Amino acid sequence: MSNHKLMSEKLKEEIAKELGVYEQVKKDGGSWQNVPSTTCGKIVSKAIEIANRAVENY
Protein backbone atom coordinates (compact mmCIF):
# COMPACT_ATOMS: atom_id res chain seq x y z
CA MET A 1 0.00 0.00 0.00
CA SER A 2 1.34 3.40 -0.99
CA ASN A 3 1.80 6.26 1.45
CA HIS A 4 1.19 8.72 -1.38
CA LYS A 5 -1.65 11.06 -0.45
CA LEU A 6 -4.01 12.09 -3.20
CA MET A 7 -5.40 15.05 -1.26
CA SER A 8 -3.45 17.27 1.09
CA GLU A 9 -4.61 17.56 4.67
CA LYS A 10 -4.88 21.32 4.20
CA LEU A 11 -7.28 20.95 1.25
CA LYS A 12 -9.32 18.33 3.11
CA GLU A 13 -9.58 20.64 6.13
CA GLU A 14 -10.60 23.63 3.99
CA ILE A 15 -13.36 21.66 2.27
CA ALA A 16 -14.51 20.18 5.59
CA LYS A 17 -14.77 23.71 7.00
CA GLU A 18 -16.81 24.75 3.96
CA LEU A 19 -19.15 21.77 4.48
CA GLY A 20 -19.39 22.41 8.22
CA VAL A 21 -17.83 19.17 9.48
CA TYR A 22 -14.35 20.32 10.43
CA GLU A 23 -15.35 21.11 14.03
CA GLN A 24 -16.38 17.46 14.46
CA VAL A 25 -13.02 16.29 13.11
CA LYS A 26 -11.20 18.72 15.41
CA LYS A 27 -13.32 17.59 18.38
CA ASP A 28 -12.39 13.98 17.60
CA GLY A 29 -8.67 14.78 17.66
CA GLY A 30 -8.26 14.86 13.88
CA SER A 31 -10.07 11.59 13.30
CA TRP A 32 -12.44 11.40 10.34
CA GLN A 33 -14.09 8.27 11.76
CA ASN A 34 -17.30 10.02 12.83
CA VAL A 35 -17.77 11.93 9.57
CA PRO A 36 -20.56 10.28 7.55
CA SER A 37 -19.50 8.56 4.33
CA THR A 38 -21.84 10.79 2.31
CA THR A 39 -20.00 13.84 3.63
CA CYS A 40 -16.63 12.25 2.80
CA GLY A 41 -17.98 11.69 -0.71
CA LYS A 42 -18.90 15.37 -0.92
CA ILE A 43 -15.37 16.30 0.15
CA VAL A 44 -13.92 14.12 -2.62
CA SER A 45 -16.36 15.56 -5.18
CA LYS A 46 -15.43 19.10 -4.18
CA ALA A 47 -11.70 18.28 -4.44
CA ILE A 48 -12.26 16.87 -7.94
CA GLU A 49 -14.17 20.01 -8.89
CA ILE A 50 -11.29 22.18 -7.64
CA ALA A 51 -8.75 20.05 -9.55
CA ASN A 52 -10.78 20.24 -12.75
CA ARG A 53 -10.98 24.03 -12.49
CA ALA A 54 -7.22 24.22 -11.95
CA VAL A 55 -6.61 22.10 -15.07
CA GLU A 56 -9.03 24.17 -17.14
CA ASN A 57 -7.28 27.38 -16.09
CA TYR A 58 -3.80 26.00 -16.76
C-alpha atoms as a PDB file:
ATOM      1  CA  MET A   1       0.000   0.000   0.000  1.00  0.00           C
ATOM      2  CA  SER A   2       1.342   3.401  -0.986  1.00  0.00           C
ATOM      3  CA  ASN A   3       1.797   6.264   1.452  1.00  0.00           C
ATOM      4  CA  HIS A   4       1.190   8.722  -1.384  1.00  0.00           C
ATOM      5  CA  LYS A   5      -1.654  11.058  -0.453  1.00  0.00           C
ATOM      6  CA  LEU A   6      -4.011  12.086  -3.200  1.00  0.00           C
ATOM      7  CA  MET A   7      -5.403  15.046  -1.255  1.00  0.00           C
ATOM      8  CA  SER A   8      -3.451  17.273   1.094  1.00  0.00           C
ATOM      9  CA  GLU A   9      -4.609  17.563   4.675  1.00  0.00           C
ATOM     10  CA  LYS A  10      -4.880  21.321   4.199  1.00  0.00           C
ATOM     11  CA  LEU A  11      -7.276  20.953   1.254  1.00  0.00           C
ATOM     12  CA  LYS A  12      -9.318  18.331   3.112  1.00  0.00           C
ATOM     13  CA  GLU A  13      -9.582  20.642   6.132  1.00  0.00           C
ATOM     14  CA  GLU A  14     -10.596  23.635   3.987  1.00  0.00           C
ATOM     15  CA  ILE A  15     -13.362  21.664   2.271  1.00  0.00           C
ATOM     16  CA  ALA A  16     -14.505  20.184   5.595  1.00  0.00           C
ATOM     17  CA  LYS A  17     -14.771  23.712   6.997  1.00  0.00           C
ATOM     18  CA  GLU A  18     -16.810  24.746   3.964  1.00  0.00           C
ATOM     19  CA  LEU A  19     -19.145  21.766   4.480  1.00  0.00           C
ATOM     20  CA  GLY A  20     -19.392  22.410   8.221  1.00  0.00           C
ATOM     21  CA  VAL A  21     -17.833  19.167   9.479  1.00  0.00           C
ATOM     22  CA  TYR A  22     -14.354  20.323  10.433  1.00  0.00           C
ATOM     23  CA  GLU A  23     -15.350  21.112  14.027  1.00  0.00           C
ATOM     24  CA  GLN A  24     -16.380  17.461  14.460  1.00  0.00           C
ATOM     25  CA  VAL A  25     -13.016  16.293  13.109  1.00  0.00           C
ATOM     26  CA  LYS A  26     -11.199  18.717  15.411  1.00  0.00           C
ATOM     27  CA  LYS A  27     -13.322  17.593  18.382  1.00  0.00           C
ATOM     28  CA  ASP A  28     -12.388  13.976  17.597  1.00  0.00           C
ATOM     29  CA  GLY A  29      -8.670  14.781  17.660  1.00  0.00           C
ATOM     30  CA  GLY A  30      -8.263  14.860  13.884  1.00  0.00           C
ATOM     31  CA  SER A  31     -10.067  11.590  13.302  1.00  0.00           C
ATOM     32  CA  TRP A  32     -12.438  11.401  10.337  1.00  0.00           C
ATOM     33  CA  GLN A  33     -14.088   8.267  11.762  1.00  0.00           C
ATOM     34  CA  ASN A  34     -17.303  10.023  12.827  1.00  0.00           C
ATOM     35  CA  VAL A  35     -17.772  11.927   9.568  1.00  0.00           C
ATOM     36  CA  PRO A  36     -20.559  10.285   7.549  1.00  0.00           C
ATOM     37  CA  SER A  37     -19.499   8.564   4.335  1.00  0.00           C
ATOM     38  CA  THR A  38     -21.836  10.788   2.310  1.00  0.00           C
ATOM     39  CA  THR A  39     -20.005  13.841   3.633  1.00  0.00           C
ATOM     40  CA  CYS A  40     -16.633  12.251   2.803  1.00  0.00           C
ATOM     41  CA  GLY A  41     -17.981  11.694  -0.710  1.00  0.00           C
ATOM     42  CA  LYS A  42     -18.902  15.374  -0.920  1.00  0.00           C
ATOM     43  CA  ILE A  43     -15.365  16.295   0.150  1.00  0.00           C
ATOM     44  CA  VAL A  44     -13.918  14.122  -2.619  1.00  0.00           C
ATOM     45  CA  SER A  45     -16.365  15.556  -5.179  1.00  0.00           C
ATOM     46  CA  LYS A  46     -15.430  19.100  -4.178  1.00  0.00           C
ATOM     47  CA  ALA A  47     -11.705  18.277  -4.440  1.00  0.00           C
ATOM     48  CA  ILE A  48     -12.257  16.871  -7.941  1.00  0.00           C
ATOM     49  CA  GLU A  49     -14.174  20.015  -8.892  1.00  0.00           C
ATOM     50  CA  ILE A  50     -11.292  22.185  -7.642  1.00  0.00           C
ATOM     51  CA  ALA A  51      -8.746  20.049  -9.550  1.00  0.00           C
ATOM     52  CA  ASN A  52     -10.782  20.243 -12.750  1.00  0.00           C
ATOM     53  CA  ARG A  53     -10.982  24.033 -12.489  1.00  0.00           C
ATOM     54  CA  ALA A  54      -7.220  24.215 -11.953  1.00  0.00           C
ATOM     55  CA  VAL A  55      -6.610  22.100 -15.072  1.00  0.00           C
ATOM     56  CA  GLU A  56      -9.034  24.174 -17.138  1.00  0.00           C
ATOM     57  CA  ASN A  57      -7.283  27.384 -16.086  1.00  0.00           C
ATOM     58  CA  TYR A  58      -3.801  25.998 -16.760  1.00  0.00           C
END
